[in-house]
Structure formats: C-alpha cells, structure tokens
Amino acid sequence: MKRLMLMLLLLCSPAVWAANETVIIDVEAMTCPLCVTVVNKVLRQTDGVIKAKSSLKTRQAVVIVPAGFDTDKLLQAIAKTGYTGVIHQPEKAS
C-alpha cells in the first residue's frame, strides 16, 4: 500500500509534468462547432498527445505534448481532416 501511495505521489509531482510542452496551432479554416470537434478528435488520437482542446472563438488548438515531441505530427493529423495549421513556438507547460 505504501508503494502505491508513493507511486501516485511521484506521478502527480510537478517534476513529472514539467517535461511537457504546450503547442498552440492556428487553424483558420475552423468555422463551426463540428470543425472544432473534428480537429479535437484527430489531435487527441495522435500518439503522444496528452491533451488537446480547440476553440472556435480563437480558431486555435492548444495541445499538451511531451518535451521534444515532433510537432509535424500535429500538422499532419490536422491535414488529414482537410484543415491546415500553423504552429507557434512550443512552450513549457505549467
């Protein structure tokens, strides 16, 4: 039981999450809620993506990935849906 608690504490520690990056992608062609759903789905299904959320209001997708992740995979995933994206410089996730 103590080992399980220790493992849970380690997994929840800031040091584990500090290795993640936030990638912001402009997706200008998103014009409706269905567009957001499609972009969210394809990004979330991309191997290595921790979290993804798109916004119709900002026409951007915010994606959390591990440090050093190949962001071209995100653009390729979006391209499969017929949209194009432009990536901003990845930042350390807080």
PDB file of N, CA and C in Angstrom:
ATOM      1  N   MET A   1       0.825  -1.193   0.000  1.00  0.00           N
ATOM      2  CA  MET A   1       0.000   0.000   0.000  1.00  0.00           C
ATOM      3  C   MET A   1       0.869   1.257   0.000  1.00  0.00           C
ATOM      4  N   LYS A   2       1.953   1.228   0.774  1.00  0.00           N
ATOM      5  CA  LYS A   2       2.840   2.388   0.825  1.00  0.00           C
ATOM      6  C   LYS A   2       3.482   2.641  -0.524  1.00  0.00           C
ATOM      7  N   ARG A   3       3.825   1.553  -1.227  1.00  0.00           N
ATOM      8  CA  ARG A   3       4.415   1.708  -2.562  1.00  0.00           C
ATOM      9  C   ARG A   3       3.436   2.359  -3.525  1.00  0.00           C
ATOM     10  N   LEU A   4       2.195   1.942  -3.462  1.00  0.00           N
ATOM     11  CA  LEU A   4       1.175   2.514  -4.336  1.00  0.00           C
ATOM     12  C   LEU A   4       1.010   4.004  -4.072  1.00  0.00           C
ATOM     13  N   MET A   5       0.967   4.372  -2.811  1.00  0.00           N
ATOM     14  CA  MET A   5       0.829   5.786  -2.460  1.00  0.00           C
ATOM     15  C   MET A   5       2.036   6.585  -2.933  1.00  0.00           C
ATOM     16  N   LEU A   6       3.236   6.008  -2.777  1.00  0.00           N
ATOM     17  CA  LEU A   6       4.445   6.677  -3.221  1.00  0.00           C
ATOM     18  C   LEU A   6       4.438   6.869  -4.731  1.00  0.00           C
ATOM     19  N   MET A   7       4.002   5.853  -5.468  1.00  0.00           N
ATOM     20  CA  MET A   7       3.941   5.957  -6.937  1.00  0.00           C
ATOM     21  C   MET A   7       2.939   7.027  -7.360  1.00  0.00           C
ATOM     22  N   LEU A   8       1.812   7.081  -6.693  1.00  0.00           N
ATOM     23  CA  LEU A   8       0.814   8.103  -7.016  1.00  0.00           C
ATOM     24  C   LEU A   8       1.362   9.506  -6.750  1.00  0.00           C
ATOM     25  N   LEU A   9       2.059   9.667  -5.652  1.00  0.00           N
ATOM     26  CA  LEU A   9       2.657  10.966  -5.340  1.00  0.00           C
ATOM     27  C   LEU A   9       3.700  11.362  -6.377  1.00  0.00           C
ATOM     28  N   LEU A  10       4.503  10.407  -6.813  1.00  0.00           N
ATOM     29  CA  LEU A  10       5.522  10.698  -7.819  1.00  0.00           C
ATOM     30  C   LEU A  10       4.898  11.079  -9.153  1.00  0.00           C
ATOM     31  N   LEU A  11       3.826  10.380  -9.536  1.00  0.00           N
ATOM     32  CA  LEU A  11       3.181  10.683 -10.803  1.00  0.00           C
ATOM     33  C   LEU A  11       2.501  12.047 -10.794  1.00  0.00           C
ATOM     34  N   CYS A  12       2.090  12.484  -9.640  1.00  0.00           N
ATOM     35  CA  CYS A  12       1.413  13.775  -9.535  1.00  0.00           C
ATOM     36  C   CYS A  12       2.372  14.924  -9.240  1.00  0.00           C
ATOM     37  N   SER A  13       3.643  14.634  -9.137  1.00  0.00           N
ATOM     38  CA  SER A  13       4.599  15.675  -8.782  1.00  0.00           C
ATOM     39  C   SER A  13       4.831  16.632  -9.951  1.00  0.00           C
ATOM     40  N   PRO A  14       5.148  17.883  -9.667  1.00  0.00           N
ATOM     41  CA  PRO A  14       5.410  18.865 -10.720  1.00  0.00           C
ATOM     42  C   PRO A  14       6.583  18.489 -11.610  1.00  0.00           C
ATOM     43  N   ALA A  15       7.551  17.751 -11.082  1.00  0.00           N
ATOM     44  CA  ALA A  15       8.717  17.377 -11.886  1.00  0.00           C
ATOM     45  C   ALA A  15       8.321  16.503 -13.064  1.00  0.00           C
ATOM     46  N   VAL A  16       7.317  15.635 -12.880  1.00  0.00           N
ATOM     47  CA  VAL A  16       6.867  14.767 -13.974  1.00  0.00           C
ATOM     48  C   VAL A  16       6.197  15.596 -15.060  1.00  0.00           C
ATOM     49  N   TRP A  17       5.361  16.552 -14.661  1.00  0.00           N
ATOM     50  CA  TRP A  17       4.625  17.359 -15.630  1.00  0.00           C
ATOM     51  C   TRP A  17       5.486  18.447 -16.259  1.00  0.00           C
ATOM     52  N   ALA A  18       6.605  18.799 -15.636  1.00  0.00           N
ATOM     53  CA  ALA A  18       7.442  19.874 -16.133  1.00  0.00           C
ATOM     54  C   ALA A  18       8.055  19.547 -17.484  1.00  0.00           C
ATOM     55  N   ALA A  19       8.080  18.272 -17.856  1.00  0.00           N
ATOM     56  CA  ALA A  19       8.679  17.864 -19.118  1.00  0.00           C
ATOM     57  C   ALA A  19       7.714  18.013 -20.294  1.00  0.00           C
ATOM     58  N   ASN A  20       6.544  18.539 -20.065  1.00  0.00           N
ATOM     59  CA  ASN A  20       5.562  18.713 -21.133  1.00  0.00           C
ATOM     60  C   ASN A  20       5.663  20.094 -21.763  1.00  0.00           C
ATOM     61  N   GLU A  21       5.191  20.183 -23.001  1.00  0.00           N
ATOM     62  CA  GLU A  21       5.157  21.456 -23.718  1.00  0.00           C
ATOM     63  C   GLU A  21       3.729  21.761 -24.160  1.00  0.00           C
ATOM     64  N   THR A  22       3.416  23.039 -24.232  1.00  0.00           N
ATOM     65  CA  THR A  22       2.146  23.488 -24.771  1.00  0.00           C
ATOM     66  C   THR A  22       2.400  23.993 -26.187  1.00  0.00           C
ATOM     67  N   VAL A  23       1.664  23.433 -27.133  1.00  0.00           N
ATOM     68  CA  VAL A  23       1.789  23.833 -28.529  1.00  0.00           C
ATOM     69  C   VAL A  23       0.486  24.501 -28.945  1.00  0.00           C
ATOM     70  N   ILE A  24       0.589  25.700 -29.487  1.00  0.00           N
ATOM     71  CA  ILE A  24      -0.594  26.423 -29.965  1.00  0.00           C
ATOM     72  C   ILE A  24      -0.571  26.409 -31.484  1.00  0.00           C
ATOM     73  N   ILE A  25      -1.691  25.970 -32.066  1.00  0.00           N
ATOM     74  CA  ILE A  25      -1.799  25.842 -33.519  1.00  0.00           C
ATOM     75  C   ILE A  25      -2.942  26.721 -34.010  1.00  0.00           C
ATOM     76  N   ASP A  26      -2.652  27.613 -34.947  1.00  0.00           N
ATOM     77  CA  ASP A  26      -3.700  28.386 -35.603  1.00  0.00           C
ATOM     78  C   ASP A  26      -4.355  27.503 -36.656  1.00  0.00           C
ATOM     79  N   VAL A  27      -5.684  27.384 -36.581  1.00  0.00           N
ATOM     80  CA  VAL A  27      -6.447  26.613 -37.566  1.00  0.00           C
ATOM     81  C   VAL A  27      -7.517  27.553 -38.113  1.00  0.00           C
ATOM     82  N   GLU A  28      -7.141  28.352 -39.096  1.00  0.00           N
ATOM     83  CA  GLU A  28      -8.005  29.415 -39.600  1.00  0.00           C
ATOM     84  C   GLU A  28      -9.303  28.920 -40.237  1.00  0.00           C
ATOM     85  N   ALA A  29      -9.317  27.736 -40.795  1.00  0.00           N
ATOM     86  CA  ALA A  29     -10.490  27.269 -41.530  1.00  0.00           C
ATOM     87  C   ALA A  29     -11.626  26.781 -40.632  1.00  0.00           C
ATOM     88  N   MET A  30     -11.420  26.745 -39.330  1.00  0.00           N
ATOM     89  CA  MET A  30     -12.498  26.312 -38.432  1.00  0.00           C
ATOM     90  C   MET A  30     -13.588  27.376 -38.426  1.00  0.00           C
ATOM     91  N   THR A  31     -14.788  26.988 -38.851  1.00  0.00           N
ATOM     92  CA  THR A  31     -15.877  27.955 -38.949  1.00  0.00           C
ATOM     93  C   THR A  31     -17.143  27.526 -38.213  1.00  0.00           C
ATOM     94  N   CYS A  32     -17.157  26.306 -37.633  1.00  0.00           N
ATOM     95  CA  CYS A  32     -18.368  25.834 -36.961  1.00  0.00           C
ATOM     96  C   CYS A  32     -17.991  24.875 -35.831  1.00  0.00           C
ATOM     97  N   PRO A  33     -18.934  24.560 -34.973  1.00  0.00           N
ATOM     98  CA  PRO A  33     -18.645  23.638 -33.870  1.00  0.00           C
ATOM     99  C   PRO A  33     -18.200  22.249 -34.337  1.00  0.00           C
ATOM    100  N   LEU A  34     -18.699  21.798 -35.468  1.00  0.00           N
ATOM    101  CA  LEU A  34     -18.278  20.498 -35.981  1.00  0.00           C
ATOM    102  C   LEU A  34     -16.799  20.513 -36.358  1.00  0.00           C
ATOM    103  N   CYS A  35     -16.327  21.630 -36.883  1.00  0.00           N
ATOM    104  CA  CYS A  35     -14.899  21.767 -37.200  1.00  0.00           C
ATOM    105  C   CYS A  35     -14.056  21.556 -35.945  1.00  0.00           C
ATOM    106  N   VAL A  36     -14.474  22.164 -34.856  1.00  0.00           N
ATOM    107  CA  VAL A  36     -13.756  22.047 -33.590  1.00  0.00           C
ATOM    108  C   VAL A  36     -13.743  20.592 -33.126  1.00  0.00           C
ATOM    109  N   THR A  37     -14.871  19.935 -33.243  1.00  0.00           N
ATOM    110  CA  THR A  37     -14.973  18.532 -32.840  1.00  0.00           C
ATOM    111  C   THR A  37     -14.036  17.651 -33.645  1.00  0.00           C
ATOM    112  N   VAL A  38     -13.985  17.871 -34.946  1.00  0.00           N
ATOM    113  CA  VAL A  38     -13.137  17.070 -35.823  1.00  0.00           C
ATOM    114  C   VAL A  38     -11.661  17.298 -35.505  1.00  0.00           C
ATOM    115  N   VAL A  39     -11.271  18.544 -35.324  1.00  0.00           N
ATOM    116  CA  VAL A  39      -9.871  18.856 -35.014  1.00  0.00           C
ATOM    117  C   VAL A  39      -9.490  18.284 -33.647  1.00  0.00           C
ATOM    118  N   ASN A  40     -10.360  18.444 -32.651  1.00  0.00           N
ATOM    119  CA  ASN A  40     -10.095  17.873 -31.328  1.00  0.00           C
ATOM    120  C   ASN A  40      -9.890  16.366 -31.418  1.00  0.00           C
ATOM    121  N   LYS A  41     -10.782  15.696 -32.121  1.00  0.00           N
ATOM    122  CA  LYS A  41     -10.729  14.243 -32.210  1.00  0.00           C
ATOM    123  C   LYS A  41      -9.431  13.763 -32.841  1.00  0.00           C
ATOM    124  N   VAL A  42      -9.039  14.361 -33.962  1.00  0.00           N
ATOM    125  CA  VAL A  42      -7.836  13.899 -34.652  1.00  0.00           C
ATOM    126  C   VAL A  42      -6.578  14.200 -33.843  1.00  0.00           C
ATOM    127  N   LEU A  43      -6.545  15.316 -33.145  1.00  0.00           N
ATOM    128  CA  LEU A  43      -5.379  15.636 -32.315  1.00  0.00           C
ATOM    129  C   LEU A  43      -5.288  14.690 -31.121  1.00  0.00           C
ATOM    130  N   ARG A  44      -6.423  14.409 -30.490  1.00  0.00           N
ATOM    131  CA  ARG A  44      -6.426  13.527 -29.322  1.00  0.00           C
ATOM    132  C   ARG A  44      -6.059  12.091 -29.685  1.00  0.00           C
ATOM    133  N   GLN A  45      -6.297  11.701 -30.930  1.00  0.00           N
ATOM    134  CA  GLN A  45      -5.957  10.352 -31.373  1.00  0.00           C
ATOM    135  C   GLN A  45      -4.503  10.230 -31.828  1.00  0.00           C
ATOM    136  N   THR A  46      -3.787  11.336 -31.877  1.00  0.00           N
ATOM    137  CA  THR A  46      -2.389  11.318 -32.295  1.00  0.00           C
ATOM    138  C   THR A  46      -1.526  10.766 -31.162  1.00  0.00           C
ATOM    139  N   ASP A  47      -0.706   9.762 -31.476  1.00  0.00           N
ATOM    140  CA  ASP A  47       0.158   9.149 -30.471  1.00  0.00           C
ATOM    141  C   ASP A  47       1.046  10.192 -29.809  1.00  0.00           C
ATOM    142  N   GLY A  48       1.064  10.177 -28.491  1.00  0.00           N
ATOM    143  CA  GLY A  48       1.913  11.079 -27.726  1.00  0.00           C
ATOM    144  C   GLY A  48       1.197  12.312 -27.204  1.00  0.00           C
ATOM    145  N   VAL A  49       0.042  12.642 -27.761  1.00  0.00           N
ATOM    146  CA  VAL A  49      -0.691  13.831 -27.308  1.00  0.00           C
ATOM    147  C   VAL A  49      -1.292  13.549 -25.936  1.00  0.00           C
ATOM    148  N   ILE A  50      -1.030  14.433 -24.999  1.00  0.00           N
ATOM    149  CA  ILE A  50      -1.537  14.295 -23.639  1.00  0.00           C
ATOM    150  C   ILE A  50      -2.926  14.921 -23.538  1.00  0.00           C
ATOM    151  N   LYS A  51      -3.075  16.095 -24.115  1.00  0.00           N
ATOM    152  CA  LYS A  51      -4.349  16.816 -24.041  1.00  0.00           C
ATOM    153  C   LYS A  51      -4.457  17.737 -25.249  1.00  0.00           C
ATOM    154  N   ALA A  52      -5.656  17.888 -25.779  1.00  0.00           N
ATOM    155  CA  ALA A  52      -5.877  18.798 -26.904  1.00  0.00           C
ATOM    156  C   ALA A  52      -7.249  19.449 -26.766  1.00  0.00           C
ATOM    157  N   LYS A  53      -7.289  20.747 -27.028  1.00  0.00           N
ATOM    158  CA  LYS A  53      -8.560  21.486 -26.970  1.00  0.00           C
ATOM    159  C   LYS A  53      -8.518  22.594 -28.008  1.00  0.00           C
ATOM    160  N   SER A  54      -9.540  22.609 -28.858  1.00  0.00           N
ATOM    161  CA  SER A  54      -9.647  23.634 -29.893  1.00  0.00           C
ATOM    162  C   SER A  54     -10.718  24.639 -29.508  1.00  0.00           C
ATOM    163  N   SER A  55     -10.606  25.837 -30.079  1.00  0.00           N
ATOM    164  CA  SER A  55     -11.568  26.893 -29.810  1.00  0.00           C
ATOM    165  C   SER A  55     -11.999  27.540 -31.117  1.00  0.00           C
ATOM    166  N   LEU A  56     -13.297  27.603 -31.312  1.00  0.00           N
ATOM    167  CA  LEU A  56     -13.837  28.276 -32.496  1.00  0.00           C
ATOM    168  C   LEU A  56     -13.618  29.782 -32.388  1.00  0.00           C
ATOM    169  N   LYS A  57     -13.727  30.312 -31.179  1.00  0.00           N
ATOM    170  CA  LYS A  57     -13.579  31.748 -30.962  1.00  0.00           C
ATOM    171  C   LYS A  57     -12.183  32.236 -31.355  1.00  0.00           C
ATOM    172  N   THR A  58     -11.147  31.505 -30.935  1.00  0.00           N
ATOM    173  CA  THR A  58      -9.779  31.922 -31.238  1.00  0.00           C
ATOM    174  C   THR A  58      -9.245  31.285 -32.518  1.00  0.00           C
ATOM    175  N   ARG A  59      -9.967  30.258 -32.990  1.00  0.00           N
ATOM    176  CA  ARG A  59      -9.528  29.461 -34.155  1.00  0.00           C
ATOM    177  C   ARG A  59      -8.135  28.902 -33.924  1.00  0.00           C
ATOM    178  N   GLN A  60      -7.960  28.381 -32.714  1.00  0.00           N
ATOM    179  CA  GLN A  60      -6.685  27.780 -32.333  1.00  0.00           C
ATOM    180  C   GLN A  60      -6.932  26.463 -31.616  1.00  0.00           C
ATOM    181  N   ALA A  61      -5.917  25.619 -31.674  1.00  0.00           N
ATOM    182  CA  ALA A  61      -5.905  24.394 -30.887  1.00  0.00           C
ATOM    183  C   ALA A  61      -4.729  24.498 -29.917  1.00  0.00           C
ATOM    184  N   VAL A  62      -4.972  24.147 -28.665  1.00  0.00           N
ATOM    185  CA  VAL A  62      -3.929  24.122 -27.656  1.00  0.00           C
ATOM    186  C   VAL A  62      -3.689  22.657 -27.326  1.00  0.00           C
ATOM    187  N   VAL A  63      -2.441  22.211 -27.525  1.00  0.00           N
ATOM    188  CA  VAL A  63      -2.110  20.803 -27.381  1.00  0.00           C
ATOM    189  C   VAL A  63      -0.963  20.658 -26.377  1.00  0.00           C
ATOM    190  N   ILE A  64      -1.117  19.727 -25.430  1.00  0.00           N
ATOM    191  CA  ILE A  64      -0.067  19.411 -24.470  1.00  0.00           C
ATOM    192  C   ILE A  64       0.607  18.125 -24.963  1.00  0.00           C
ATOM    193  N   VAL A  65       1.922  18.206 -25.137  1.00  0.00           N
ATOM    194  CA  VAL A  65       2.706  17.065 -25.616  1.00  0.00           C
ATOM    195  C   VAL A  65       3.974  16.942 -24.771  1.00  0.00           C
ATOM    196  N   PRO A  66       4.629  15.770 -24.811  1.00  0.00           N
ATOM    197  CA  PRO A  66       5.902  15.642 -24.089  1.00  0.00           C
ATOM    198  C   PRO A  66       6.963  16.542 -24.713  1.00  0.00           C
ATOM    199  N   ALA A  67       7.931  16.950 -23.913  1.00  0.00           N
ATOM    200  CA  ALA A  67       9.043  17.762 -24.423  1.00  0.00           C
ATOM    201  C   ALA A  67       9.748  17.010 -25.541  1.00  0.00           C
ATOM    202  N   GLY A  68      10.093  17.721 -26.603  1.00  0.00           N
ATOM    203  CA  GLY A  68      10.788  17.119 -27.728  1.00  0.00           C
ATOM    204  C   GLY A  68       9.868  16.425 -28.718  1.00  0.00           C
ATOM    205  N   PHE A  69       8.567  16.527 -28.536  1.00  0.00           N
ATOM    206  CA  PHE A  69       7.594  15.899 -29.430  1.00  0.00           C
ATOM    207  C   PHE A  69       7.716  16.497 -30.828  1.00  0.00           C
ATOM    208  N   ASP A  70       7.592  15.671 -31.851  1.00  0.00           N
ATOM    209  CA  ASP A  70       7.649  16.129 -33.244  1.00  0.00           C
ATOM    210  C   ASP A  70       6.325  16.800 -33.594  1.00  0.00           C
ATOM    211  N   THR A  71       6.304  18.126 -33.588  1.00  0.00           N
ATOM    212  CA  THR A  71       5.063  18.867 -33.819  1.00  0.00           C
ATOM    213  C   THR A  71       4.543  18.723 -35.253  1.00  0.00           C
ATOM    214  N   ASP A  72       5.378  18.239 -36.168  1.00  0.00           N
ATOM    215  CA  ASP A  72       4.888  17.982 -37.526  1.00  0.00           C
ATOM    216  C   ASP A  72       3.793  16.921 -37.524  1.00  0.00           C
ATOM    217  N   LYS A  73       3.815  16.033 -36.540  1.00  0.00           N
ATOM    218  CA  LYS A  73       2.765  15.020 -36.426  1.00  0.00           C
ATOM    219  C   LYS A  73       1.403  15.677 -36.199  1.00  0.00           C
ATOM    220  N   LEU A  74       1.403  16.782 -35.464  1.00  0.00           N
ATOM    221  CA  LEU A  74       0.152  17.502 -35.211  1.00  0.00           C
ATOM    222  C   LEU A  74      -0.383  18.114 -36.494  1.00  0.00           C
ATOM    223  N   LEU A  75       0.517  18.713 -37.275  1.00  0.00           N
ATOM    224  CA  LEU A  75       0.104  19.317 -38.548  1.00  0.00           C
ATOM    225  C   LEU A  75      -0.377  18.255 -39.529  1.00  0.00           C
ATOM    226  N   GLN A  76       0.279  17.101 -39.535  1.00  0.00           N
ATOM    227  CA  GLN A  76      -0.141  16.010 -40.417  1.00  0.00           C
ATOM    228  C   GLN A  76      -1.520  15.499 -40.023  1.00  0.00           C
ATOM    229  N   ALA A  77      -1.771  15.404 -38.729  1.00  0.00           N
ATOM    230  CA  ALA A  77      -3.081  14.956 -38.248  1.00  0.00           C
ATOM    231  C   ALA A  77      -4.170  15.934 -38.668  1.00  0.00           C
ATOM    232  N   ILE A  78      -3.903  17.219 -38.516  1.00  0.00           N
ATOM    233  CA  ILE A  78      -4.879  18.233 -38.916  1.00  0.00           C
ATOM    234  C   ILE A  78      -5.098  18.193 -40.425  1.00  0.00           C
ATOM    235  N   ALA A  79      -4.037  17.984 -41.181  1.00  0.00           N
ATOM    236  CA  ALA A  79      -4.138  17.938 -42.644  1.00  0.00           C
ATOM    237  C   ALA A  79      -5.037  16.798 -43.110  1.00  0.00           C
ATOM    238  N   LYS A  80      -5.078  15.699 -42.359  1.00  0.00           N
ATOM    239  CA  LYS A  80      -5.947  14.572 -42.716  1.00  0.00           C
ATOM    240  C   LYS A  80      -7.422  14.968 -42.708  1.00  0.00           C
ATOM    241  N   THR A  81      -7.759  16.004 -41.959  1.00  0.00           N
ATOM    242  CA  THR A  81      -9.147  16.448 -41.860  1.00  0.00           C
ATOM    243  C   THR A  81      -9.495  17.491 -42.928  1.00  0.00           C
ATOM    244  N   GLY A  82      -8.481  17.923 -43.680  1.00  0.00           N
ATOM    245  CA  GLY A  82      -8.720  18.931 -44.710  1.00  0.00           C
ATOM    246  C   GLY A  82      -8.397  20.348 -44.257  1.00  0.00           C
ATOM    247  N   TYR A  83      -7.965  20.502 -43.012  1.00  0.00           N
ATOM    248  CA  TYR A  83      -7.592  21.811 -42.493  1.00  0.00           C
ATOM    249  C   TYR A  83      -6.079  21.961 -42.539  1.00  0.00           C
ATOM    250  N   THR A  84      -5.617  23.177 -42.400  1.00  0.00           N
ATOM    251  CA  THR A  84      -4.182  23.415 -42.284  1.00  0.00           C
ATOM    252  C   THR A  84      -3.940  24.185 -40.992  1.00  0.00           C
ATOM    253  N   GLY A  85      -2.747  24.036 -40.468  1.00  0.00           N
ATOM    254  CA  GLY A  85      -2.419  24.710 -39.224  1.00  0.00           C
ATOM    255  C   GLY A  85      -1.046  25.342 -39.279  1.00  0.00           C
ATOM    256  N   VAL A  86      -0.860  26.338 -38.429  1.00  0.00           N
ATOM    257  CA  VAL A  86       0.430  26.998 -38.272  1.00  0.00           C
ATOM    258  C   VAL A  86       0.771  26.926 -36.788  1.00  0.00           C
ATOM    259  N   ILE A  87       1.947  26.377 -36.488  1.00  0.00           N
ATOM    260  CA  ILE A  87       2.345  26.178 -35.090  1.00  0.00           C
ATOM    261  C   ILE A  87       3.129  27.375 -34.575  1.00  0.00           C
ATOM    262  N   HIS A  88       2.754  27.807 -33.361  1.00  0.00           N
ATOM    263  CA  HIS A  88       3.534  28.803 -32.630  1.00  0.00           C
ATOM    264  C   HIS A  88       4.651  28.061 -31.919  1.00  0.00           C
ATOM    265  N   GLN A  89       5.644  28.752 -31.460  1.00  0.00           N
ATOM    266  CA  GLN A  89       6.768  28.141 -30.734  1.00  0.00           C
ATOM    267  C   GLN A  89       6.242  27.392 -29.511  1.00  0.00           C
ATOM    268  N   PRO A  90       6.606  26.100 -29.370  1.00  0.00           N
ATOM    269  CA  PRO A  90       6.172  25.356 -28.172  1.00  0.00           C
ATOM    270  C   PRO A  90       6.717  26.005 -26.905  1.00  0.00           C
ATOM    271  N   GLU A  91       5.926  25.927 -25.821  1.00  0.00           N
ATOM    272  CA  GLU A  91       6.317  26.490 -24.529  1.00  0.00           C
ATOM    273  C   GLU A  91       6.247  25.398 -23.484  1.00  0.00           C
ATOM    274  N   LYS A  92       6.976  25.560 -22.408  1.00  0.00           N
ATOM    275  CA  LYS A  92       6.864  24.623 -21.287  1.00  0.00           C
ATOM    276  C   LYS A  92       5.468  24.713 -20.712  1.00  0.00           C
ATOM    277  N   ALA A  93       4.844  23.563 -20.485  1.00  0.00           N
ATOM    278  CA  ALA A  93       3.512  23.545 -19.882  1.00  0.00           C
ATOM    279  C   ALA A  93       3.636  23.872 -18.406  1.00  0.00           C
ATOM    280  N   SER A  94       2.680  24.634 -17.909  1.00  0.00           N
ATOM    281  CA  SER A  94       2.725  24.979 -16.485  1.00  0.00           C
ATOM    282  C   SER A  94       1.872  24.047 -15.673  1.00  0.00           C
TER     283      SER A  94
END
